Each structure stands twice: as structure tokens, then as C-alpha cells.
């Protein structure tokens, strides 16, 4: 059984027991707390597929916040040719690692 959920503007395919890294959408959550994904786009079990229009009614994915982490560094480089203009910036996204505990359809 798996589901497709939306969190932080991105879609994630999740299964029970899986760990995923999502953008920090619960800013005050502490490790060990429960989180619920209510924006479920698709749920599939062994025999049926439920596709939402745009969301599946009554479906939720529950998980546990494992830890806070940061993503890989992304380098932003800007340059204008023949003008001597160069700028380099870096960014690391704050992420939450979540263990999926249950998929309720």
C-alpha cells in the first residue's frame, strides 16, 4: 500500500515504515511528535486505486518526526559577460525527517 502526499509544495510517494525528508512545514514540531499529511492525492492498496479530485476524501497519512536536518548546499552563481559582474550565493534548506506510520484511506 502506498500514497502520494503533498507537503511543502512537493509531492512524495510514501509507504508505511519509509523515512522521507520534507521541507519544514511544521515549524514548532519537536522530534518524537506526531504529524499528519492531510493533502493526500492518491491511495493505492493491493486491489484498488483511489485518485483524488484533487484530494482523496477522508484520507490521511500519519507519521512521526524523527529529526531536523539540512539539505545539501545549492550554489547560486550570477554573471554578466563583459561587465565584471559575478555573484555567488549558497543556500541550505531546512528539512524534517519523518517516519511514515500509517496510511488511512
Protein backbone atom coordinates (compact mmCIF):
# COMPACT_ATOMS: atom_id res chain seq x y z
CA UNK A 1 0.00 0.00 0.00
CA UNK A 2 1.29 3.45 -0.86
CA UNK A 3 0.07 7.01 -1.11
CA UNK A 4 1.11 10.23 -2.82
CA UNK A 5 1.03 13.23 -0.49
CA UNK A 6 1.79 16.90 -0.96
CA UNK A 7 3.98 18.73 1.56
CA UNK A 8 5.92 21.93 1.12
CA UNK A 9 4.84 22.31 -2.50
CA UNK A 10 6.29 18.94 -3.49
CA UNK A 11 4.72 15.52 -3.99
CA UNK A 12 6.10 12.45 -2.21
CA UNK A 13 5.32 8.76 -2.73
CA UNK A 14 5.19 7.19 0.74
CA UNK A 15 4.82 3.71 2.19
CA UNK A 16 4.47 2.54 5.79
CA UNK A 17 7.88 2.37 7.50
CA UNK A 18 9.56 4.66 4.99
CA UNK A 19 11.52 7.76 6.04
CA UNK A 20 11.21 10.91 3.95
CA UNK A 21 12.72 14.38 4.14
CA UNK A 22 10.21 17.19 3.61
CA UNK A 23 10.55 20.93 3.85
CA UNK A 24 9.85 22.42 7.26
CA UNK A 25 6.05 22.79 7.14
CA UNK A 26 5.51 22.28 10.89
CA UNK A 27 7.78 24.98 12.39
CA UNK A 28 7.14 24.27 16.08
CA UNK A 29 7.25 20.47 15.97
CA UNK A 30 9.73 18.64 18.21
CA UNK A 31 11.34 15.25 17.48
CA UNK A 32 9.02 12.43 18.51
CA UNK A 33 5.82 14.36 17.82
CA UNK A 34 3.07 13.12 15.51
CA UNK A 35 2.49 14.78 12.13
CA UNK A 36 -0.44 14.29 9.76
CA UNK A 37 -0.43 14.78 6.00
CA UNK A 38 -3.98 15.76 5.07
CA UNK A 39 -3.26 16.61 1.42
CA UNK A 40 -3.41 13.07 0.00
CA UNK A 41 -3.58 12.94 -3.80
CA UNK A 42 -3.66 9.17 -4.38
CA UNK A 43 -4.01 6.00 -2.30
CA UNK A 44 -3.31 2.51 -3.66
CA UNK A 45 -3.69 -0.83 -1.91
CA UNK A 46 -3.43 -4.36 -3.32
CA UNK A 47 -6.68 -4.19 -5.32
CA UNK A 48 -7.93 -0.59 -5.53
CA UNK A 49 -6.63 2.82 -6.55
CA UNK A 50 -8.28 6.00 -5.22
CA UNK A 51 -7.41 9.14 -7.13
CA UNK A 52 -8.42 12.47 -5.65
CA UNK A 53 -10.12 15.33 -7.47
CA UNK A 54 -7.79 16.98 -6.36
CA UNK A 55 -7.68 15.31 -2.89
CA UNK A 56 -8.87 11.91 -1.66
CA UNK A 57 -11.81 12.40 0.72
CA UNK A 58 -11.15 11.22 4.28
CA UNK A 59 -7.60 10.05 3.60
CA UNK A 60 -4.67 10.91 5.85
CA UNK A 61 -1.08 9.79 6.29
CA UNK A 62 0.29 9.77 9.83
CA UNK A 63 3.94 9.90 10.73
CA UNK A 64 6.44 10.64 13.46
CA UNK A 65 9.02 13.42 13.31
CA UNK A 66 12.42 11.78 13.66
CA UNK A 67 14.81 14.73 13.44
CA UNK A 68 15.53 18.10 11.88
CA UNK A 69 18.24 18.29 9.26
CA UNK A 70 19.53 20.49 6.47
CA UNK A 71 19.71 19.68 2.79
CA UNK A 72 22.74 19.81 0.54
CA UNK A 73 24.19 23.19 -0.32
CA UNK A 74 22.91 24.77 -3.53
CA UNK A 75 25.22 27.28 -5.19
CA UNK A 76 23.65 30.25 -6.98
CA UNK A 77 26.06 31.91 -9.45
CA UNK A 78 25.19 35.03 -11.45
CA UNK A 79 27.37 36.55 -14.15
CA UNK A 80 27.04 39.20 -16.85
CA UNK A 81 29.55 38.82 -19.63
CA UNK A 82 31.99 41.63 -20.33
CA UNK A 83 30.76 43.69 -17.35
CA UNK A 84 32.83 42.27 -14.50
CA UNK A 85 29.67 41.28 -12.59
CA UNK A 86 29.84 38.00 -10.66
CA UNK A 87 27.88 36.99 -7.56
CA UNK A 88 27.98 33.70 -5.69
CA UNK A 89 25.49 32.75 -3.01
CA UNK A 90 24.78 29.48 -1.21
CA UNK A 91 21.63 28.07 0.36
CA UNK A 92 20.81 25.05 2.54
CA UNK A 93 17.14 24.18 3.01
CA UNK A 94 15.83 23.28 6.48
CA UNK A 95 14.23 19.82 6.32
CA UNK A 96 12.34 17.45 8.60
CA UNK A 97 12.88 13.69 8.51
CA UNK A 98 9.56 11.89 9.01
CA UNK A 99 8.89 8.17 9.51
CA UNK A 100 5.55 7.10 7.97
CA UNK A 101 3.48 5.12 10.50
CA UNK A 102 0.05 4.67 8.91
CA UNK A 103 -1.91 5.32 5.73
CA UNK A 104 -5.63 5.76 6.32
CA UNK A 105 -7.90 5.74 3.30
